[in-house]
Amino acid sequence: MITKSEDVDVRIPLGPYRANKVAALTAHHSQVDMDDPFWKLMTDIESLGESFRLATGVPLPHGTATDLFEGLDLTP
């Protein structure tokens, strides 16, 4: 399923972790098809990141977040 950009609630840039993610997925051939043109394209994109939508709950008050835990009350 393709999610429209405006429907993304959390977008996490990989930044310095991008190489680690690509290496981890590459090491586990059951996770990706190394010959898939889409995979090759994704590993060439510098801004590879993760995008998420909220499944339930209150929408974030200020648009797209960059932290999955943003807005959560984590006090015991």
PDB file of N, CA and C in Angstrom:
ATOM      1  N   MET A   1       0.831  -1.175   0.000  1.00  0.00           N
ATOM      2  CA  MET A   1       0.000   0.000   0.000  1.00  0.00           C
ATOM      3  C   MET A   1       0.877   1.240   0.000  1.00  0.00           C
ATOM      4  N   ILE A   2       0.573   2.155  -0.861  1.00  0.00           N
ATOM      5  CA  ILE A   2       1.327   3.405  -0.937  1.00  0.00           C
ATOM      6  C   ILE A   2       0.597   4.458  -0.107  1.00  0.00           C
ATOM      7  N   THR A   3       1.347   5.108   0.764  1.00  0.00           N
ATOM      8  CA  THR A   3       0.794   6.153   1.612  1.00  0.00           C
ATOM      9  C   THR A   3       1.179   7.509   1.048  1.00  0.00           C
ATOM     10  N   LYS A   4       0.204   8.384   0.921  1.00  0.00           N
ATOM     11  CA  LYS A   4       0.490   9.732   0.447  1.00  0.00           C
ATOM     12  C   LYS A   4       1.363  10.441   1.470  1.00  0.00           C
ATOM     13  N   SER A   5       2.265  11.275   0.991  1.00  0.00           N
ATOM     14  CA  SER A   5       3.203  11.980   1.858  1.00  0.00           C
ATOM     15  C   SER A   5       2.501  12.762   2.952  1.00  0.00           C
ATOM     16  N   GLU A   6       1.362  13.385   2.627  1.00  0.00           N
ATOM     17  CA  GLU A   6       0.666  14.192   3.637  1.00  0.00           C
ATOM     18  C   GLU A   6       0.021  13.344   4.724  1.00  0.00           C
ATOM     19  N   ASP A   7      -0.071  12.023   4.516  1.00  0.00           N
ATOM     20  CA  ASP A   7      -0.638  11.133   5.525  1.00  0.00           C
ATOM     21  C   ASP A   7       0.409  10.534   6.467  1.00  0.00           C
ATOM     22  N   VAL A   8       1.678  10.815   6.226  1.00  0.00           N
ATOM     23  CA  VAL A   8       2.751  10.301   7.079  1.00  0.00           C
ATOM     24  C   VAL A   8       2.764  11.098   8.380  1.00  0.00           C
ATOM     25  N   ASP A   9       2.757  10.397   9.506  1.00  0.00           N
ATOM     26  CA  ASP A   9       2.756  11.047  10.812  1.00  0.00           C
ATOM     27  C   ASP A   9       4.157  11.206  11.393  1.00  0.00           C
ATOM     28  N   VAL A  10       5.018  10.233  11.132  1.00  0.00           N
ATOM     29  CA  VAL A  10       6.383  10.268  11.663  1.00  0.00           C
ATOM     30  C   VAL A  10       7.339   9.902  10.542  1.00  0.00           C
ATOM     31  N   ARG A  11       8.349  10.722  10.340  1.00  0.00           N
ATOM     32  CA  ARG A  11       9.379  10.459   9.329  1.00  0.00           C
ATOM     33  C   ARG A  11      10.729  10.518  10.042  1.00  0.00           C
ATOM     34  N   ILE A  12      11.432   9.379  10.063  1.00  0.00           N
ATOM     35  CA  ILE A  12      12.711   9.281  10.763  1.00  0.00           C
ATOM     36  C   ILE A  12      13.842   9.227   9.728  1.00  0.00           C
ATOM     37  N   PRO A  13      14.639  10.287   9.637  1.00  0.00           N
ATOM     38  CA  PRO A  13      15.777  10.235   8.720  1.00  0.00           C
ATOM     39  C   PRO A  13      16.860   9.300   9.274  1.00  0.00           C
ATOM     40  N   LEU A  14      17.495   8.547   8.412  1.00  0.00           N
ATOM     41  CA  LEU A  14      18.516   7.608   8.878  1.00  0.00           C
ATOM     42  C   LEU A  14      19.868   8.265   9.083  1.00  0.00           C
ATOM     43  N   GLY A  15      20.148   9.301   8.316  1.00  0.00           N
ATOM     44  CA  GLY A  15      21.405  10.028   8.493  1.00  0.00           C
ATOM     45  C   GLY A  15      22.600   9.104   8.601  1.00  0.00           C
ATOM     46  N   PRO A  16      23.315   9.168   9.729  1.00  0.00           N
ATOM     47  CA  PRO A  16      24.533   8.374   9.882  1.00  0.00           C
ATOM     48  C   PRO A  16      24.276   6.874   9.999  1.00  0.00           C
ATOM     49  N   TYR A  17      23.018   6.452  10.168  1.00  0.00           N
ATOM     50  CA  TYR A  17      22.700   5.029  10.323  1.00  0.00           C
ATOM     51  C   TYR A  17      22.330   4.367   9.004  1.00  0.00           C
ATOM     52  N   ARG A  18      22.271   5.140   7.927  1.00  0.00           N
ATOM     53  CA  ARG A  18      21.862   4.617   6.623  1.00  0.00           C
ATOM     54  C   ARG A  18      22.715   3.422   6.196  1.00  0.00           C
ATOM     55  N   ALA A  19      24.026   3.542   6.280  1.00  0.00           N
ATOM     56  CA  ALA A  19      24.931   2.459   5.863  1.00  0.00           C
ATOM     57  C   ALA A  19      24.695   1.200   6.704  1.00  0.00           C
ATOM     58  N   ASN A  20      24.424   1.375   8.001  1.00  0.00           N
ATOM     59  CA  ASN A  20      24.151   0.220   8.867  1.00  0.00           C
ATOM     60  C   ASN A  20      22.880  -0.494   8.436  1.00  0.00           C
ATOM     61  N   LYS A  21      21.835   0.271   8.098  1.00  0.00           N
ATOM     62  CA  LYS A  21      20.576  -0.348   7.687  1.00  0.00           C
ATOM     63  C   LYS A  21      20.759  -1.129   6.395  1.00  0.00           C
ATOM     64  N   VAL A  22      21.412  -0.526   5.425  1.00  0.00           N
ATOM     65  CA  VAL A  22      21.637  -1.203   4.147  1.00  0.00           C
ATOM     66  C   VAL A  22      22.463  -2.465   4.358  1.00  0.00           C
ATOM     67  N   ALA A  23      23.503  -2.385   5.173  1.00  0.00           N
ATOM     68  CA  ALA A  23      24.349  -3.559   5.441  1.00  0.00           C
ATOM     69  C   ALA A  23      23.556  -4.665   6.139  1.00  0.00           C
ATOM     70  N   ALA A  24      22.718  -4.289   7.097  1.00  0.00           N
ATOM     71  CA  ALA A  24      21.925  -5.287   7.829  1.00  0.00           C
ATOM     72  C   ALA A  24      20.940  -5.991   6.901  1.00  0.00           C
ATOM     73  N   LEU A  25      20.233  -5.228   6.076  1.00  0.00           N
ATOM     74  CA  LEU A  25      19.281  -5.843   5.152  1.00  0.00           C
ATOM     75  C   LEU A  25      19.993  -6.688   4.100  1.00  0.00           C
ATOM     76  N   THR A  26      21.132  -6.226   3.647  1.00  0.00           N
ATOM     77  CA  THR A  26      21.898  -6.969   2.654  1.00  0.00           C
ATOM     78  C   THR A  26      22.386  -8.302   3.230  1.00  0.00           C
ATOM     79  N   ALA A  27      22.729  -8.313   4.521  1.00  0.00           N
ATOM     80  CA  ALA A  27      23.226  -9.531   5.161  1.00  0.00           C
ATOM     81  C   ALA A  27      22.130 -10.576   5.342  1.00  0.00           C
ATOM     82  N   HIS A  28      20.885 -10.150   5.303  1.00  0.00           N
ATOM     83  CA  HIS A  28      19.762 -11.065   5.507  1.00  0.00           C
ATOM     84  C   HIS A  28      18.965 -11.163   4.211  1.00  0.00           C
ATOM     85  N   HIS A  29      19.393 -12.064   3.352  1.00  0.00           N
ATOM     86  CA  HIS A  29      18.808 -12.178   2.016  1.00  0.00           C
ATOM     87  C   HIS A  29      17.322 -12.496   2.028  1.00  0.00           C
ATOM     88  N   SER A  30      16.805 -13.010   3.138  1.00  0.00           N
ATOM     89  CA  SER A  30      15.370 -13.283   3.198  1.00  0.00           C
ATOM     90  C   SER A  30      14.566 -11.987   3.319  1.00  0.00           C
ATOM     91  N   GLN A  31      15.214 -10.883   3.648  1.00  0.00           N
ATOM     92  CA  GLN A  31      14.523  -9.615   3.838  1.00  0.00           C
ATOM     93  C   GLN A  31      14.324  -8.843   2.537  1.00  0.00           C
ATOM     94  N   VAL A  32      15.262  -8.966   1.626  1.00  0.00           N
ATOM     95  CA  VAL A  32      15.190  -8.214   0.365  1.00  0.00           C
ATOM     96  C   VAL A  32      15.677  -9.068  -0.792  1.00  0.00           C
ATOM     97  N   ASP A  33      15.169  -8.768  -1.968  1.00  0.00           N
ATOM     98  CA  ASP A  33      15.639  -9.397  -3.198  1.00  0.00           C
ATOM     99  C   ASP A  33      16.698  -8.479  -3.781  1.00  0.00           C
ATOM    100  N   MET A  34      17.950  -8.904  -3.690  1.00  0.00           N
ATOM    101  CA  MET A  34      19.061  -8.059  -4.106  1.00  0.00           C
ATOM    102  C   MET A  34      19.025  -7.690  -5.592  1.00  0.00           C
ATOM    103  N   ASP A  35      18.294  -8.454  -6.392  1.00  0.00           N
ATOM    104  CA  ASP A  35      18.205  -8.170  -7.826  1.00  0.00           C
ATOM    105  C   ASP A  35      17.014  -7.287  -8.179  1.00  0.00           C
ATOM    106  N   ASP A  36      16.197  -6.963  -7.202  1.00  0.00           N
ATOM    107  CA  ASP A  36      15.028  -6.121  -7.432  1.00  0.00           C
ATOM    108  C   ASP A  36      15.487  -4.699  -7.759  1.00  0.00           C
ATOM    109  N   PRO A  37      15.053  -4.151  -8.896  1.00  0.00           N
ATOM    110  CA  PRO A  37      15.461  -2.783  -9.263  1.00  0.00           C
ATOM    111  C   PRO A  37      15.056  -1.751  -8.205  1.00  0.00           C
ATOM    112  N   PHE A  38      13.916  -1.968  -7.532  1.00  0.00           N
ATOM    113  CA  PHE A  38      13.485  -1.045  -6.488  1.00  0.00           C
ATOM    114  C   PHE A  38      14.485  -1.022  -5.338  1.00  0.00           C
ATOM    115  N   TRP A  39      14.966  -2.198  -4.931  1.00  0.00           N
ATOM    116  CA  TRP A  39      15.967  -2.269  -3.857  1.00  0.00           C
ATOM    117  C   TRP A  39      17.234  -1.539  -4.257  1.00  0.00           C
ATOM    118  N   LYS A  40      17.683  -1.745  -5.483  1.00  0.00           N
ATOM    119  CA  LYS A  40      18.901  -1.064  -5.943  1.00  0.00           C
ATOM    120  C   LYS A  40      18.714   0.445  -5.923  1.00  0.00           C
ATOM    121  N   LEU A  41      17.536   0.907  -6.335  1.00  0.00           N
ATOM    122  CA  LEU A  41      17.247   2.340  -6.311  1.00  0.00           C
ATOM    123  C   LEU A  41      17.267   2.861  -4.876  1.00  0.00           C
ATOM    124  N   MET A  42      16.627   2.136  -3.960  1.00  0.00           N
ATOM    125  CA  MET A  42      16.552   2.583  -2.573  1.00  0.00           C
ATOM    126  C   MET A  42      17.915   2.641  -1.898  1.00  0.00           C
ATOM    127  N   THR A  43      18.814   1.751  -2.232  1.00  0.00           N
ATOM    128  CA  THR A  43      20.131   1.775  -1.592  1.00  0.00           C
ATOM    129  C   THR A  43      21.007   2.877  -2.160  1.00  0.00           C
ATOM    130  N   ASP A  44      20.615   3.434  -3.312  1.00  0.00           N
ATOM    131  CA  ASP A  44      21.368   4.537  -3.903  1.00  0.00           C
ATOM    132  C   ASP A  44      20.885   5.897  -3.406  1.00  0.00           C
ATOM    133  N   ILE A  45      19.720   5.944  -2.798  1.00  0.00           N
ATOM    134  CA  ILE A  45      19.159   7.218  -2.350  1.00  0.00           C
ATOM    135  C   ILE A  45      19.784   7.601  -1.016  1.00  0.00           C
ATOM    136  N   GLU A  46      20.357   8.785  -0.975  1.00  0.00           N
ATOM    137  CA  GLU A  46      21.030   9.248   0.237  1.00  0.00           C
ATOM    138  C   GLU A  46      20.065   9.491   1.390  1.00  0.00           C
ATOM    139  N   SER A  47      18.830   9.854   1.092  1.00  0.00           N
ATOM    140  CA  SER A  47      17.903  10.231   2.154  1.00  0.00           C
ATOM    141  C   SER A  47      17.029   9.071   2.613  1.00  0.00           C
ATOM    142  N   LEU A  48      17.504   7.842   2.449  1.00  0.00           N
ATOM    143  CA  LEU A  48      16.733   6.682   2.879  1.00  0.00           C
ATOM    144  C   LEU A  48      16.341   6.840   4.339  1.00  0.00           C
ATOM    145  N   GLY A  49      15.065   6.645   4.616  1.00  0.00           N
ATOM    146  CA  GLY A  49      14.581   6.807   5.986  1.00  0.00           C
ATOM    147  C   GLY A  49      13.378   5.928   6.225  1.00  0.00           C
ATOM    148  N   GLU A  50      12.736   6.117   7.341  1.00  0.00           N
ATOM    149  CA  GLU A  50      11.554   5.348   7.725  1.00  0.00           C
ATOM    150  C   GLU A  50      10.382   6.304   7.858  1.00  0.00           C
ATOM    151  N   SER A  51       9.218   5.883   7.379  1.00  0.00           N
ATOM    152  CA  SER A  51       7.998   6.679   7.515  1.00  0.00           C
ATOM    153  C   SER A  51       6.922   5.817   8.156  1.00  0.00           C
ATOM    154  N   PHE A  52       6.125   6.437   9.029  1.00  0.00           N
ATOM    155  CA  PHE A  52       5.097   5.716   9.764  1.00  0.00           C
ATOM    156  C   PHE A  52       3.805   6.511   9.797  1.00  0.00           C
ATOM    157  N   ARG A  53       2.685   5.788   9.908  1.00  0.00           N
ATOM    158  CA  ARG A  53       1.377   6.389  10.148  1.00  0.00           C
ATOM    159  C   ARG A  53       0.885   5.901  11.491  1.00  0.00           C
ATOM    160  N   LEU A  54       0.158   6.759  12.194  1.00  0.00           N
ATOM    161  CA  LEU A  54      -0.446   6.343  13.452  1.00  0.00           C
ATOM    162  C   LEU A  54      -1.625   5.433  13.148  1.00  0.00           C
ATOM    163  N   ALA A  55      -1.698   4.303  13.823  1.00  0.00           N
ATOM    164  CA  ALA A  55      -2.801   3.366  13.610  1.00  0.00           C
ATOM    165  C   ALA A  55      -4.012   3.750  14.449  1.00  0.00           C
ATOM    166  N   THR A  56      -3.765   4.378  15.563  1.00  0.00           N
ATOM    167  CA  THR A  56      -4.851   4.767  16.465  1.00  0.00           C
ATOM    168  C   THR A  56      -4.347   5.889  17.361  1.00  0.00           C
ATOM    169  N   GLY A  57      -5.223   6.485  18.084  1.00  0.00           N
ATOM    170  CA  GLY A  57      -4.826   7.525  19.026  1.00  0.00           C
ATOM    171  C   GLY A  57      -5.053   8.919  18.478  1.00  0.00           C
ATOM    172  N   VAL A  58      -4.564   9.884  19.211  1.00  0.00           N
ATOM    173  CA  VAL A  58      -4.732  11.287  18.865  1.00  0.00           C
ATOM    174  C   VAL A  58      -3.629  11.703  17.900  1.00  0.00           C
ATOM    175  N   PRO A  59      -4.001  12.357  16.798  1.00  0.00           N
ATOM    176  CA  PRO A  59      -2.964  12.810  15.858  1.00  0.00           C
ATOM    177  C   PRO A  59      -1.985  13.772  16.529  1.00  0.00           C
ATOM    178  N   LEU A  60      -0.776  13.803  16.028  1.00  0.00           N
ATOM    179  CA  LEU A  60       0.226  14.719  16.569  1.00  0.00           C
ATOM    180  C   LEU A  60      -0.222  16.156  16.292  1.00  0.00           C
ATOM    181  N   PRO A  61      -0.096  17.041  17.275  1.00  0.00           N
ATOM    182  CA  PRO A  61      -0.650  18.388  17.139  1.00  0.00           C
ATOM    183  C   PRO A  61       0.074  19.291  16.147  1.00  0.00           C
ATOM    184  N   HIS A  62       1.288  18.979  15.793  1.00  0.00           N
ATOM    185  CA  HIS A  62       2.056  19.920  14.978  1.00  0.00           C
ATOM    186  C   HIS A  62       2.591  19.315  13.680  1.00  0.00           C
ATOM    187  N   GLY A  63       1.933  18.331  13.145  1.00  0.00           N
ATOM    188  CA  GLY A  63       2.354  17.767  11.868  1.00  0.00           C
ATOM    189  C   GLY A  63       3.320  16.616  12.021  1.00  0.00           C
ATOM    190  N   THR A  64       4.151  16.412  11.016  1.00  0.00           N
ATOM    191  CA  THR A  64       5.058  15.268  10.960  1.00  0.00           C
ATOM    192  C   THR A  64       6.136  15.352  12.036  1.00  0.00           C
ATOM    193  N   ALA A  65       6.302  14.271  12.779  1.00  0.00           N
ATOM    194  CA  ALA A  65       7.313  14.189  13.835  1.00  0.00           C
ATOM    195  C   ALA A  65       8.550  13.474  13.304  1.00  0.00           C
ATOM    196  N   THR A  66       9.647  13.568  14.036  1.00  0.00           N
ATOM    197  CA  THR A  66      10.878  12.853  13.683  1.00  0.00           C
ATOM    198  C   THR A  66      11.292  11.891  14.797  1.00  0.00           C
ATOM    199  N   ASP A  67      10.375  11.642  15.741  1.00  0.00           N
ATOM    200  CA  ASP A  67      10.643  10.762  16.873  1.00  0.00           C
ATOM    201  C   ASP A  67       9.386   9.938  17.125  1.00  0.00           C
ATOM    202  N   LEU A  68       9.505   8.624  17.114  1.00  0.00           N
ATOM    203  CA  LEU A  68       8.340   7.761  17.331  1.00  0.00           C
ATOM    204  C   LEU A  68       7.710   7.954  18.704  1.00  0.00           C
ATOM    205  N   PHE A  69       8.457   8.440  19.664  1.00  0.00           N
ATOM    206  CA  PHE A  69       7.955   8.603  21.027  1.00  0.00           C
ATOM    207  C   PHE A  69       7.515  10.035  21.326  1.00  0.00           C
ATOM    208  N   GLU A  70       7.574  10.907  20.336  1.00  0.00           N
ATOM    209  CA  GLU A  70       7.205  12.293  20.538  1.00  0.00           C
ATOM    210  C   GLU A  70       5.758  12.405  21.020  1.00  0.00           C
ATOM    211  N   GLY A  71       5.566  13.194  22.057  1.00  0.00           N
ATOM    212  CA  GLY A  71       4.231  13.430  22.568  1.00  0.00           C
ATOM    213  C   GLY A  71       3.746  12.411  23.582  1.00  0.00           C
ATOM    214  N   LEU A  72       4.494  11.337  23.796  1.00  0.00           N
ATOM    215  CA  LEU A  72       4.075  10.329  24.775  1.00  0.00           C
ATOM    216  C   LEU A  72       4.471  10.764  26.179  1.00  0.00           C
ATOM    217  N   ASP A  73       3.608  10.521  27.123  1.00  0.00           N
ATOM    218  CA  ASP A  73       3.924  10.794  28.520  1.00  0.00           C
ATOM    219  C   ASP A  73       4.589   9.534  29.057  1.00  0.00           C
ATOM    220  N   LEU A  74       5.894   9.587  29.270  1.00  0.00           N
ATOM    221  CA  LEU A  74       6.649   8.422  29.709  1.00  0.00           C
ATOM    222  C   LEU A  74       6.944   8.440  31.204  1.00  0.00           C
ATOM    223  N   THR A  75       6.232   9.296  31.954  1.00  0.00           N
ATOM    224  CA  THR A  75       6.451   9.312  33.386  1.00  0.00           C
ATOM    225  C   THR A  75       5.803   8.094  34.039  1.00  0.00           C
ATOM    226  N   PRO A  76       6.465   7.515  35.039  1.00  0.00           N
ATOM    227  CA  PRO A  76       5.923   6.314  35.689  1.00  0.00           C
ATOM    228  C   PRO A  76       4.681   6.603  36.505  1.00  0.00           C
TER     229      PRO A  76
END
